PDB file of N, CA and C in Angstrom:
ATOM      1  N   MET A   1      13.734   8.685  24.182  1.00  0.00           N
ATOM      2  CA  MET A   1      13.039   7.682  24.957  1.00  0.00           C
ATOM      3  C   MET A   1      13.946   6.476  25.213  1.00  0.00           C
ATOM      4  N   PHE A   2      14.746   6.084  24.226  1.00  0.00           N
ATOM      5  CA  PHE A   2      15.633   4.943  24.407  1.00  0.00           C
ATOM      6  C   PHE A   2      16.713   5.230  25.438  1.00  0.00           C
ATOM      7  N   LEU A   3      17.149   6.474  25.487  1.00  0.00           N
ATOM      8  CA  LEU A   3      18.249   6.828  26.366  1.00  0.00           C
ATOM      9  C   LEU A   3      17.837   6.889  27.828  1.00  0.00           C
ATOM     10  N   ASN A   4      16.560   7.076  28.095  1.00  0.00           N
ATOM     11  CA  ASN A   4      16.100   7.302  29.460  1.00  0.00           C
ATOM     12  C   ASN A   4      15.401   6.103  30.089  1.00  0.00           C
ATOM     13  N   ASP A   5      15.342   4.967  29.448  1.00  0.00           N
ATOM     14  CA  ASP A   5      14.713   3.764  30.002  1.00  0.00           C
ATOM     15  C   ASP A   5      13.411   4.083  30.732  1.00  0.00           C
ATOM     16  N   VAL A   6      12.491   4.706  30.044  1.00  0.00           N
ATOM     17  CA  VAL A   6      11.216   5.116  30.609  1.00  0.00           C
ATOM     18  C   VAL A   6      10.338   3.886  30.827  1.00  0.00           C
ATOM     19  N   LYS A   7       9.710   3.808  31.989  1.00  0.00           N
ATOM     20  CA  LYS A   7       8.778   2.732  32.301  1.00  0.00           C
ATOM     21  C   LYS A   7       7.383   3.191  31.880  1.00  0.00           C
ATOM     22  N   LEU A   8       6.774   2.438  30.959  1.00  0.00           N
ATOM     23  CA  LEU A   8       5.446   2.784  30.473  1.00  0.00           C
ATOM     24  C   LEU A   8       4.378   2.317  31.450  1.00  0.00           C
ATOM     25  N   SER A   9       3.355   3.136  31.617  1.00  0.00           N
ATOM     26  CA  SER A   9       2.228   2.730  32.449  1.00  0.00           C
ATOM     27  C   SER A   9       1.421   1.674  31.698  1.00  0.00           C
ATOM     28  N   ALA A  10       0.569   0.971  32.403  1.00  0.00           N
ATOM     29  CA  ALA A  10      -0.299  -0.030  31.774  1.00  0.00           C
ATOM     30  C   ALA A  10      -1.181   0.632  30.720  1.00  0.00           C
ATOM     31  N   GLU A  11      -1.631   1.845  31.009  1.00  0.00           N
ATOM     32  CA  GLU A  11      -2.463   2.582  30.045  1.00  0.00           C
ATOM     33  C   GLU A  11      -1.679   2.888  28.769  1.00  0.00           C
ATOM     34  N   ASP A  12      -0.440   3.345  28.932  1.00  0.00           N
ATOM     35  CA  ASP A  12       0.405   3.630  27.774  1.00  0.00           C
ATOM     36  C   ASP A  12       0.652   2.363  26.955  1.00  0.00           C
ATOM     37  N   GLN A  13       0.917   1.257  27.633  1.00  0.00           N
ATOM     38  CA  GLN A  13       1.136  -0.017  26.944  1.00  0.00           C
ATOM     39  C   GLN A  13      -0.101  -0.435  26.152  1.00  0.00           C
ATOM     40  N   ASN A  14      -1.273  -0.266  26.754  1.00  0.00           N
ATOM     41  CA  ASN A  14      -2.515  -0.624  26.064  1.00  0.00           C
ATOM     42  C   ASN A  14      -2.743   0.231  24.829  1.00  0.00           C
ATOM     43  N   VAL A  15      -2.397   1.510  24.932  1.00  0.00           N
ATOM     44  CA  VAL A  15      -2.519   2.399  23.773  1.00  0.00           C
ATOM     45  C   VAL A  15      -1.609   1.922  22.645  1.00  0.00           C
ATOM     46  N   LEU A  16      -0.375   1.580  22.978  1.00  0.00           N
ATOM     47  CA  LEU A  16       0.564   1.100  21.959  1.00  0.00           C
ATOM     48  C   LEU A  16       0.106  -0.222  21.359  1.00  0.00           C
ATOM     49  N   LYS A  17      -0.387  -1.118  22.183  1.00  0.00           N
ATOM     50  CA  LYS A  17      -0.866  -2.418  21.690  1.00  0.00           C
ATOM     51  C   LYS A  17      -2.073  -2.263  20.769  1.00  0.00           C
ATOM     52  N   ALA A  18      -2.865  -1.225  21.000  1.00  0.00           N
ATOM     53  CA  ALA A  18      -4.056  -0.987  20.184  1.00  0.00           C
ATOM     54  C   ALA A  18      -3.739  -0.243  18.886  1.00  0.00           C
ATOM     55  N   CYS A  19      -2.536   0.296  18.778  1.00  0.00           N
ATOM     56  CA  CYS A  19      -2.144   1.067  17.601  1.00  0.00           C
ATOM     57  C   CYS A  19      -2.077   0.155  16.380  1.00  0.00           C
ATOM     58  N   THR A  20      -2.670   0.591  15.289  1.00  0.00           N
ATOM     59  CA  THR A  20      -2.730  -0.237  14.079  1.00  0.00           C
ATOM     60  C   THR A  20      -1.927   0.353  12.923  1.00  0.00           C
ATOM     61  N   THR A  21      -0.898   1.102  13.243  1.00  0.00           N
ATOM     62  CA  THR A  21      -0.069   1.689  12.195  1.00  0.00           C
ATOM     63  C   THR A  21       0.579   0.598  11.349  1.00  0.00           C
ATOM     64  N   GLU A  22       0.815   0.913  10.102  1.00  0.00           N
ATOM     65  CA  GLU A  22       1.509  -0.009   9.212  1.00  0.00           C
ATOM     66  C   GLU A  22       2.836   0.578   8.738  1.00  0.00           C
ATOM     67  N   ASP A  23       3.198   1.740   9.245  1.00  0.00           N
ATOM     68  CA  ASP A  23       4.477   2.357   8.929  1.00  0.00           C
ATOM     69  C   ASP A  23       5.577   1.544   9.608  1.00  0.00           C
ATOM     70  N   HIS A  24       6.543   1.101   8.831  1.00  0.00           N
ATOM     71  CA  HIS A  24       7.576   0.192   9.346  1.00  0.00           C
ATOM     72  C   HIS A  24       8.299   0.759  10.555  1.00  0.00           C
ATOM     73  N   GLU A  25       8.693   2.014  10.494  1.00  0.00           N
ATOM     74  CA  GLU A  25       9.431   2.601  11.610  1.00  0.00           C
ATOM     75  C   GLU A  25       8.555   2.690  12.860  1.00  0.00           C
ATOM     76  N   SER A  26       7.304   3.065  12.692  1.00  0.00           N
ATOM     77  CA  SER A  26       6.392   3.159  13.835  1.00  0.00           C
ATOM     78  C   SER A  26       6.144   1.789  14.456  1.00  0.00           C
ATOM     79  N   VAL A  27       5.967   0.775  13.616  1.00  0.00           N
ATOM     80  CA  VAL A  27       5.790  -0.591  14.115  1.00  0.00           C
ATOM     81  C   VAL A  27       7.009  -0.987  14.942  1.00  0.00           C
ATOM     82  N   GLY A  28       8.194  -0.671  14.430  1.00  0.00           N
ATOM     83  CA  GLY A  28       9.426  -0.988  15.150  1.00  0.00           C
ATOM     84  C   GLY A  28       9.565  -0.228  16.452  1.00  0.00           C
ATOM     85  N   LEU A  29       9.206   1.043  16.442  1.00  0.00           N
ATOM     86  CA  LEU A  29       9.260   1.836  17.677  1.00  0.00           C
ATOM     87  C   LEU A  29       8.339   1.256  18.737  1.00  0.00           C
ATOM     88  N   ILE A  30       7.146   0.856  18.322  1.00  0.00           N
ATOM     89  CA  ILE A  30       6.205   0.248  19.263  1.00  0.00           C
ATOM     90  C   ILE A  30       6.809  -1.026  19.856  1.00  0.00           C
ATOM     91  N   GLY A  31       7.449  -1.817  19.015  1.00  0.00           N
ATOM     92  CA  GLY A  31       8.087  -3.039  19.504  1.00  0.00           C
ATOM     93  C   GLY A  31       9.143  -2.755  20.543  1.00  0.00           C
ATOM     94  N   CYS A  32       9.960  -1.748  20.306  1.00  0.00           N
ATOM     95  CA  CYS A  32      11.017  -1.392  21.259  1.00  0.00           C
ATOM     96  C   CYS A  32      10.430  -0.842  22.553  1.00  0.00           C
ATOM     97  N   LEU A  33       9.407  -0.038  22.448  1.00  0.00           N
ATOM     98  CA  LEU A  33       8.810   0.546  23.647  1.00  0.00           C
ATOM     99  C   LEU A  33       8.087  -0.499  24.491  1.00  0.00           C
ATOM    100  N   LEU A  34       7.358  -1.405  23.832  1.00  0.00           N
ATOM    101  CA  LEU A  34       6.647  -2.443  24.582  1.00  0.00           C
ATOM    102  C   LEU A  34       7.609  -3.483  25.150  1.00  0.00           C
ATOM    103  N   ASN A  35       8.540  -3.903  24.316  1.00  0.00           N
ATOM    104  CA  ASN A  35       9.540  -4.885  24.710  1.00  0.00           C
ATOM    105  C   ASN A  35       8.943  -6.036  25.509  1.00  0.00           C
ATOM    106  N   ASP A  36       7.871  -6.620  24.978  1.00  0.00           N
ATOM    107  CA  ASP A  36       7.316  -7.799  25.628  1.00  0.00           C
ATOM    108  C   ASP A  36       7.671  -9.041  24.820  1.00  0.00           C
ATOM    109  N   GLY A  37       7.432 -10.187  25.366  1.00  0.00           N
ATOM    110  CA  GLY A  37       7.874 -11.428  24.756  1.00  0.00           C
ATOM    111  C   GLY A  37       6.895 -12.074  23.798  1.00  0.00           C
ATOM    112  N   THR A  38       5.851 -11.346  23.408  1.00  0.00           N
ATOM    113  CA  THR A  38       4.876 -11.940  22.494  1.00  0.00           C
ATOM    114  C   THR A  38       5.484 -12.099  21.105  1.00  0.00           C
ATOM    115  N   TYR A  39       4.946 -13.052  20.354  1.00  0.00           N
ATOM    116  CA  TYR A  39       5.460 -13.267  19.005  1.00  0.00           C
ATOM    117  C   TYR A  39       5.253 -12.039  18.127  1.00  0.00           C
ATOM    118  N   VAL A  40       4.109 -11.391  18.251  1.00  0.00           N
ATOM    119  CA  VAL A  40       3.870 -10.212  17.416  1.00  0.00           C
ATOM    120  C   VAL A  40       4.871  -9.112  17.767  1.00  0.00           C
ATOM    121  N   ASN A  41       5.256  -9.009  19.033  1.00  0.00           N
ATOM    122  CA  ASN A  41       6.231  -7.983  19.382  1.00  0.00           C
ATOM    123  C   ASN A  41       7.633  -8.363  18.912  1.00  0.00           C
ATOM    124  N   LYS A  42       7.934  -9.648  18.934  1.00  0.00           N
ATOM    125  CA  LYS A  42       9.215 -10.083  18.383  1.00  0.00           C
ATOM    126  C   LYS A  42       9.277  -9.764  16.892  1.00  0.00           C
ATOM    127  N   ALA A  43       8.139  -9.901  16.206  1.00  0.00           N
ATOM    128  CA  ALA A  43       8.085  -9.527  14.788  1.00  0.00           C
ATOM    129  C   ALA A  43       8.351  -8.032  14.644  1.00  0.00           C
ATOM    130  N   ARG A  44       7.763  -7.232  15.525  1.00  0.00           N
ATOM    131  CA  ARG A  44       8.012  -5.782  15.493  1.00  0.00           C
ATOM    132  C   ARG A  44       9.500  -5.481  15.671  1.00  0.00           C
ATOM    133  N   LEU A  45      10.138  -6.202  16.599  1.00  0.00           N
ATOM    134  CA  LEU A  45      11.563  -5.961  16.849  1.00  0.00           C
ATOM    135  C   LEU A  45      12.417  -6.349  15.642  1.00  0.00           C
ATOM    136  N   ILE A  46      12.060  -7.426  14.975  1.00  0.00           N
ATOM    137  CA  ILE A  46      12.814  -7.810  13.778  1.00  0.00           C
ATOM    138  C   ILE A  46      12.627  -6.752  12.691  1.00  0.00           C
ATOM    139  N   ILE A  47      11.407  -6.238  12.555  1.00  0.00           N
ATOM    140  CA  ILE A  47      11.159  -5.151  11.597  1.00  0.00           C
ATOM    141  C   ILE A  47      12.053  -3.963  11.939  1.00  0.00           C
ATOM    142  N   ALA A  48      12.093  -3.598  13.216  1.00  0.00           N
ATOM    143  CA  ALA A  48      12.909  -2.457  13.650  1.00  0.00           C
ATOM    144  C   ALA A  48      14.387  -2.710  13.428  1.00  0.00           C
ATOM    145  N   SER A  49      14.830  -3.932  13.662  1.00  0.00           N
ATOM    146  CA  SER A  49      16.261  -4.230  13.519  1.00  0.00           C
ATOM    147  C   SER A  49      16.722  -4.144  12.073  1.00  0.00           C
ATOM    148  N   ASN A  50      15.778  -4.163  11.156  1.00  0.00           N
ATOM    149  CA  ASN A  50      16.096  -4.046   9.733  1.00  0.00           C
ATOM    150  C   ASN A  50      15.867  -2.645   9.190  1.00  0.00           C
ATOM    151  N   ASN A  51      15.613  -1.688  10.080  1.00  0.00           N
ATOM    152  CA  ASN A  51      15.369  -0.314   9.648  1.00  0.00           C
ATOM    153  C   ASN A  51      16.646   0.275   9.062  1.00  0.00           C
ATOM    154  N   GLN A  52      16.563   0.788   7.866  1.00  0.00           N
ATOM    155  CA  GLN A  52      17.734   1.320   7.171  1.00  0.00           C
ATOM    156  C   GLN A  52      17.947   2.806   7.387  1.00  0.00           C
ATOM    157  N   TYR A  53      16.978   3.488   7.982  1.00  0.00           N
ATOM    158  CA  TYR A  53      17.049   4.943   8.091  1.00  0.00           C
ATOM    159  C   TYR A  53      17.227   5.439   9.515  1.00  0.00           C
ATOM    160  N   ASN A  54      16.996   4.577  10.491  1.00  0.00           N
ATOM    161  CA  ASN A  54      17.116   4.974  11.882  1.00  0.00           C
ATOM    162  C   ASN A  54      18.047   3.977  12.567  1.00  0.00           C
ATOM    163  N   ASP A  55      19.329   4.305  12.573  1.00  0.00           N
ATOM    164  CA  ASP A  55      20.337   3.395  13.122  1.00  0.00           C
ATOM    165  C   ASP A  55      20.120   3.122  14.605  1.00  0.00           C
ATOM    166  N   GLU A  56      19.698   4.132  15.344  1.00  0.00           N
ATOM    167  CA  GLU A  56      19.464   3.951  16.780  1.00  0.00           C
ATOM    168  C   GLU A  56      18.336   2.952  17.020  1.00  0.00           C
ATOM    169  N   LEU A  57      17.277   3.046  16.240  1.00  0.00           N
ATOM    170  CA  LEU A  57      16.160   2.106  16.341  1.00  0.00           C
ATOM    171  C   LEU A  57      16.621   0.688  16.009  1.00  0.00           C
ATOM    172  N   ALA A  58      17.359   0.545  14.924  1.00  0.00           N
ATOM    173  CA  ALA A  58      17.845  -0.782  14.520  1.00  0.00           C
ATOM    174  C   ALA A  58      18.762  -1.376  15.591  1.00  0.00           C
ATOM    175  N   TYR A  59      19.642  -0.555  16.135  1.00  0.00           N
ATOM    176  CA  TYR A  59      20.564  -1.013  17.173  1.00  0.00           C
ATOM    177  C   TYR A  59      19.798  -1.447  18.417  1.00  0.00           C
ATOM    178  N   ARG A  60      18.851  -0.624  18.850  1.00  0.00           N
ATOM    179  CA  ARG A  60      18.060  -0.924  20.056  1.00  0.00           C
ATOM    180  C   ARG A  60      17.270  -2.215  19.874  1.00  0.00           C
ATOM    181  N   ALA A  61      16.635  -2.373  18.725  1.00  0.00           N
ATOM    182  CA  ALA A  61      15.835  -3.575  18.469  1.00  0.00           C
ATOM    183  C   ALA A  61      16.712  -4.824  18.449  1.00  0.00           C
ATOM    184  N   THR A  62      17.877  -4.722  17.833  1.00  0.00           N
ATOM    185  CA  THR A  62      18.804  -5.854  17.792  1.00  0.00           C
ATOM    186  C   THR A  62      19.245  -6.227  19.209  1.00  0.00           C
ATOM    187  N   ALA A  63      19.515  -5.221  20.019  1.00  0.00           N
ATOM    188  CA  ALA A  63      19.912  -5.469  21.411  1.00  0.00           C
ATOM    189  C   ALA A  63      18.777  -6.115  22.199  1.00  0.00           C
ATOM    190  N   LEU A  64      17.554  -5.679  21.979  1.00  0.00           N
ATOM    191  CA  LEU A  64      16.412  -6.249  22.689  1.00  0.00           C
ATOM    192  C   LEU A  64      16.140  -7.685  22.253  1.00  0.00           C
ATOM    193  N   LEU A  65      16.351  -7.975  20.985  1.00  0.00           N
ATOM    194  CA  LEU A  65      16.177  -9.350  20.509  1.00  0.00           C
ATOM    195  C   LEU A  65      17.231 -10.266  21.121  1.00  0.00           C
ATOM    196  N   SER A  66      18.433  -9.775  21.232  1.00  0.00           N
ATOM    197  CA  SER A  66      19.587 -10.473  21.809  1.00  0.00           C
ATOM    198  C   SER A  66      19.584 -11.977  21.517  1.00  0.00           C
ATOM    199  N   CYS A  67      19.702 -12.309  20.242  1.00  0.00           N
ATOM    200  CA  CYS A  67      19.760 -13.710  19.858  1.00  0.00           C
ATOM    201  C   CYS A  67      20.817 -13.904  18.773  1.00  0.00           C
ATOM    202  N   THR A  68      21.268 -15.135  18.674  1.00  0.00           N
ATOM    203  CA  THR A  68      22.247 -15.465  17.648  1.00  0.00           C
ATOM    204  C   THR A  68      21.544 -15.513  16.290  1.00  0.00           C
ATOM    205  N   GLU A  69      22.336 -15.571  15.251  1.00  0.00           N
ATOM    206  CA  GLU A  69      21.763 -15.652  13.901  1.00  0.00           C
ATOM    207  C   GLU A  69      20.907 -16.909  13.745  1.00  0.00           C
ATOM    208  N   SER A  70      21.359 -18.029  14.292  1.00  0.00           N
ATOM    209  CA  SER A  70      20.567 -19.263  14.168  1.00  0.00           C
ATOM    210  C   SER A  70      19.289 -19.184  15.002  1.00  0.00           C
ATOM    211  N   GLU A  71      19.342 -18.538  16.162  1.00  0.00           N
ATOM    212  CA  GLU A  71      18.130 -18.343  16.966  1.00  0.00           C
ATOM    213  C   GLU A  71      17.154 -17.413  16.239  1.00  0.00           C
ATOM    214  N   LEU A  72      17.692 -16.393  15.579  1.00  0.00           N
ATOM    215  CA  LEU A  72      16.860 -15.471  14.814  1.00  0.00           C
ATOM    216  C   LEU A  72      16.175 -16.202  13.664  1.00  0.00           C
ATOM    217  N   GLN A  73      16.906 -17.039  12.960  1.00  0.00           N
ATOM    218  CA  GLN A  73      16.315 -17.802  11.858  1.00  0.00           C
ATOM    219  C   GLN A  73      15.230 -18.747  12.360  1.00  0.00           C
ATOM    220  N   ALA A  74      15.464 -19.386  13.513  1.00  0.00           N
ATOM    221  CA  ALA A  74      14.450 -20.274  14.103  1.00  0.00           C
ATOM    222  C   ALA A  74      13.207 -19.474  14.490  1.00  0.00           C
ATOM    223  N   LEU A  75      13.399 -18.268  15.041  1.00  0.00           N
ATOM    224  CA  LEU A  75      12.272 -17.403  15.404  1.00  0.00           C
ATOM    225  C   LEU A  75      11.497 -17.001  14.160  1.00  0.00           C
ATOM    226  N   ILE A  76      12.191 -16.646  13.104  1.00  0.00           N
ATOM    227  CA  ILE A  76      11.525 -16.267  11.852  1.00  0.00           C
ATOM    228  C   ILE A  76      10.706 -17.434  11.312  1.00  0.00           C
ATOM    229  N   GLU A  77      11.212 -18.645  11.436  1.00  0.00           N
ATOM    230  CA  GLU A  77      10.453 -19.828  10.992  1.00  0.00           C
ATOM    231  C   GLU A  77       9.177 -19.995  11.814  1.00  0.00           C
ATOM    232  N   VAL A  78       9.268 -19.792  13.128  1.00  0.00           N
ATOM    233  CA  VAL A  78       8.083 -19.872  13.991  1.00  0.00           C
ATOM    234  C   VAL A  78       7.069 -18.814  13.582  1.00  0.00           C
ATOM    235  N   LEU A  79       7.539 -17.590  13.360  1.00  0.00           N
ATOM    236  CA  LEU A  79       6.637 -16.505  12.964  1.00  0.00           C
ATOM    237  C   LEU A  79       6.003 -16.791  11.604  1.00  0.00           C
ATOM    238  N   SER A  80       6.763 -17.394  10.715  1.00  0.00           N
ATOM    239  CA  SER A  80       6.235 -17.779   9.409  1.00  0.00           C
ATOM    240  C   SER A  80       5.124 -18.803   9.563  1.00  0.00           C
ATOM    241  N   ASP A  81       5.340 -19.791  10.435  1.00  0.00           N
ATOM    242  CA  ASP A  81       4.302 -20.798  10.686  1.00  0.00           C
ATOM    243  C   ASP A  81       3.035 -20.163  11.245  1.00  0.00           C
ATOM    244  N   ILE A  82       3.196 -19.224  12.166  1.00  0.00           N
ATOM    245  CA  ILE A  82       2.032 -18.531  12.727  1.00  0.00           C
ATOM    246  C   ILE A  82       1.294 -17.793  11.622  1.00  0.00           C
ATOM    247  N   TYR A  83       2.037 -17.081  10.802  1.00  0.00           N
ATOM    248  CA  TYR A  83       1.453 -16.275   9.729  1.00  0.00           C
ATOM    249  C   TYR A  83       0.700 -17.149   8.724  1.00  0.00           C
ATOM    250  N   ILE A  84       1.252 -18.292   8.400  1.00  0.00           N
ATOM    251  CA  ILE A  84       0.651 -19.154   7.381  1.00  0.00           C
ATOM    252  C   ILE A  84      -0.414 -20.078   7.962  1.00  0.00           C
ATOM    253  N   MET A  85      -0.108 -20.722   9.086  1.00  0.00           N
ATOM    254  CA  MET A  85      -0.974 -21.786   9.586  1.00  0.00           C
ATOM    255  C   MET A  85      -2.025 -21.325  10.585  1.00  0.00           C
ATOM    256  N   LYS A  86      -1.813 -20.185  11.217  1.00  0.00           N
ATOM    257  CA  LYS A  86      -2.764 -19.715  12.227  1.00  0.00           C
ATOM    258  C   LYS A  86      -3.417 -18.413  11.799  1.00  0.00           C
ATOM    259  N   PHE A  87      -3.460 -18.200  10.504  1.00  0.00           N
ATOM    260  CA  PHE A  87      -3.989 -16.970   9.918  1.00  0.00           C
ATOM    261  C   PHE A  87      -5.354 -16.597  10.500  1.00  0.00           C
ATOM    262  N   GLU A  88      -6.227 -17.568  10.663  1.00  0.00           N
ATOM    263  CA  GLU A  88      -7.586 -17.292  11.122  1.00  0.00           C
ATOM    264  C   GLU A  88      -7.683 -17.160  12.641  1.00  0.00           C
ATOM    265  N   GLN A  89      -6.628 -17.509  13.358  1.00  0.00           N
ATOM    266  CA  GLN A  89      -6.673 -17.491  14.819  1.00  0.00           C
ATOM    267  C   GLN A  89      -6.096 -16.210  15.421  1.00  0.00           C
ATOM    268  N   ILE A  90      -5.469 -15.395  14.615  1.00  0.00           N
ATOM    269  CA  ILE A  90      -4.886 -14.159  15.142  1.00  0.00           C
ATOM    270  C   ILE A  90      -5.591 -12.956  14.517  1.00  0.00           C
ATOM    271  N   SER A  91      -5.400 -11.813  15.123  1.00  0.00           N
ATOM    272  CA  SER A  91      -6.107 -10.614  14.664  1.00  0.00           C
ATOM    273  C   SER A  91      -5.620 -10.172  13.281  1.00  0.00           C
ATOM    274  N   ALA A  92      -6.461  -9.406  12.634  1.00  0.00           N
ATOM    275  CA  ALA A  92      -6.110  -8.872  11.313  1.00  0.00           C
ATOM    276  C   ALA A  92      -4.849  -8.023  11.403  1.00  0.00           C
ATOM    277  N   TYR A  93      -4.705  -7.269  12.492  1.00  0.00           N
ATOM    278  CA  TYR A  93      -3.514  -6.437  12.624  1.00  0.00           C
ATOM    279  C   TYR A  93      -2.260  -7.279  12.852  1.00  0.00           C
ATOM    280  N   GLU A  94      -2.360  -8.324  13.649  1.00  0.00           N
ATOM    281  CA  GLU A  94      -1.203  -9.204  13.826  1.00  0.00           C
ATOM    282  C   GLU A  94      -0.794  -9.805  12.488  1.00  0.00           C
ATOM    283  N   ASN A  95      -1.771 -10.213  11.697  1.00  0.00           N
ATOM    284  CA  ASN A  95      -1.470 -10.723  10.363  1.00  0.00           C
ATOM    285  C   ASN A  95      -0.738  -9.670   9.543  1.00  0.00           C
ATOM    286  N   ARG A  96      -1.155  -8.418   9.663  1.00  0.00           N
ATOM    287  CA  ARG A  96      -0.514  -7.338   8.906  1.00  0.00           C
ATOM    288  C   ARG A  96       0.921  -7.127   9.371  1.00  0.00           C
ATOM    289  N   VAL A  97       1.158  -7.201  10.695  1.00  0.00           N
ATOM    290  CA  VAL A  97       2.529  -7.057  11.212  1.00  0.00           C
ATOM    291  C   VAL A  97       3.406  -8.162  10.634  1.00  0.00           C
ATOM    292  N   TYR A  98       2.893  -9.394  10.622  1.00  0.00           N
ATOM    293  CA  TYR A  98       3.676 -10.492  10.045  1.00  0.00           C
ATOM    294  C   TYR A  98       3.899 -10.260   8.548  1.00  0.00           C
ATOM    295  N   GLY A  99       2.901  -9.738   7.863  1.00  0.00           N
ATOM    296  CA  GLY A  99       3.059  -9.412   6.453  1.00  0.00           C
ATOM    297  C   GLY A  99       4.151  -8.370   6.230  1.00  0.00           C
ATOM    298  N   ILE A 100       4.166  -7.353   7.088  1.00  0.00           N
ATOM    299  CA  ILE A 100       5.209  -6.312   7.008  1.00  0.00           C
ATOM    300  C   ILE A 100       6.567  -6.957   7.257  1.00  0.00           C
ATOM    301  N   LEU A 101       6.638  -7.833   8.260  1.00  0.00           N
ATOM    302  CA  LEU A 101       7.898  -8.503   8.575  1.00  0.00           C
ATOM    303  C   LEU A 101       8.457  -9.232   7.353  1.00  0.00           C
ATOM    304  N   PHE A 102       7.618 -10.021   6.715  1.00  0.00           N
ATOM    305  CA  PHE A 102       8.133 -10.815   5.591  1.00  0.00           C
ATOM    306  C   PHE A 102       8.385  -9.958   4.360  1.00  0.00           C
ATOM    307  N   ASP A 103       7.706  -8.839   4.273  1.00  0.00           N
ATOM    308  CA  ASP A 103       8.028  -7.866   3.211  1.00  0.00           C
ATOM    309  C   ASP A 103       9.416  -7.271   3.457  1.00  0.00           C
ATOM    310  N   VAL A 104       9.687  -6.918   4.700  1.00  0.00           N
ATOM    311  CA  VAL A 104      10.994  -6.328   5.065  1.00  0.00           C
ATOM    312  C   VAL A 104      12.117  -7.333   4.861  1.00  0.00           C
ATOM    313  N   LEU A 105      11.866  -8.592   5.173  1.00  0.00           N
ATOM    314  CA  LEU A 105      12.906  -9.602   5.077  1.00  0.00           C
ATOM    315  C   LEU A 105      13.201 -10.018   3.632  1.00  0.00           C
ATOM    316  N   ASN A 106      12.301  -9.721   2.720  1.00  0.00           N
ATOM    317  CA  ASN A 106      12.529 -10.092   1.308  1.00  0.00           C
ATOM    318  C   ASN A 106      13.324  -9.073   0.562  1.00  0.00           C
TER     319      ASN A 106
END
């Protein structure tokens, strides 16, 4: 899928957005496939970029993030603030994605 730059239909995107998997690799794959600019998707991409078992996934996610180390750290701080301070304003699944992110980063 990464090699062929497949354009997802709106229906396919909605299916991926509705997916509630907690498997780190699956969360990362969804992030790469959606490749949207939402904070939750950026969290998915960071999760994918830290994948230790799928080098292609990690490489693709890092390329999609395309940010410097300092920009990445600033993004992680923003995501941390969302996770801590806006806990009640985001969905339970978004909270879980952020939880997975900070588990992966520790």
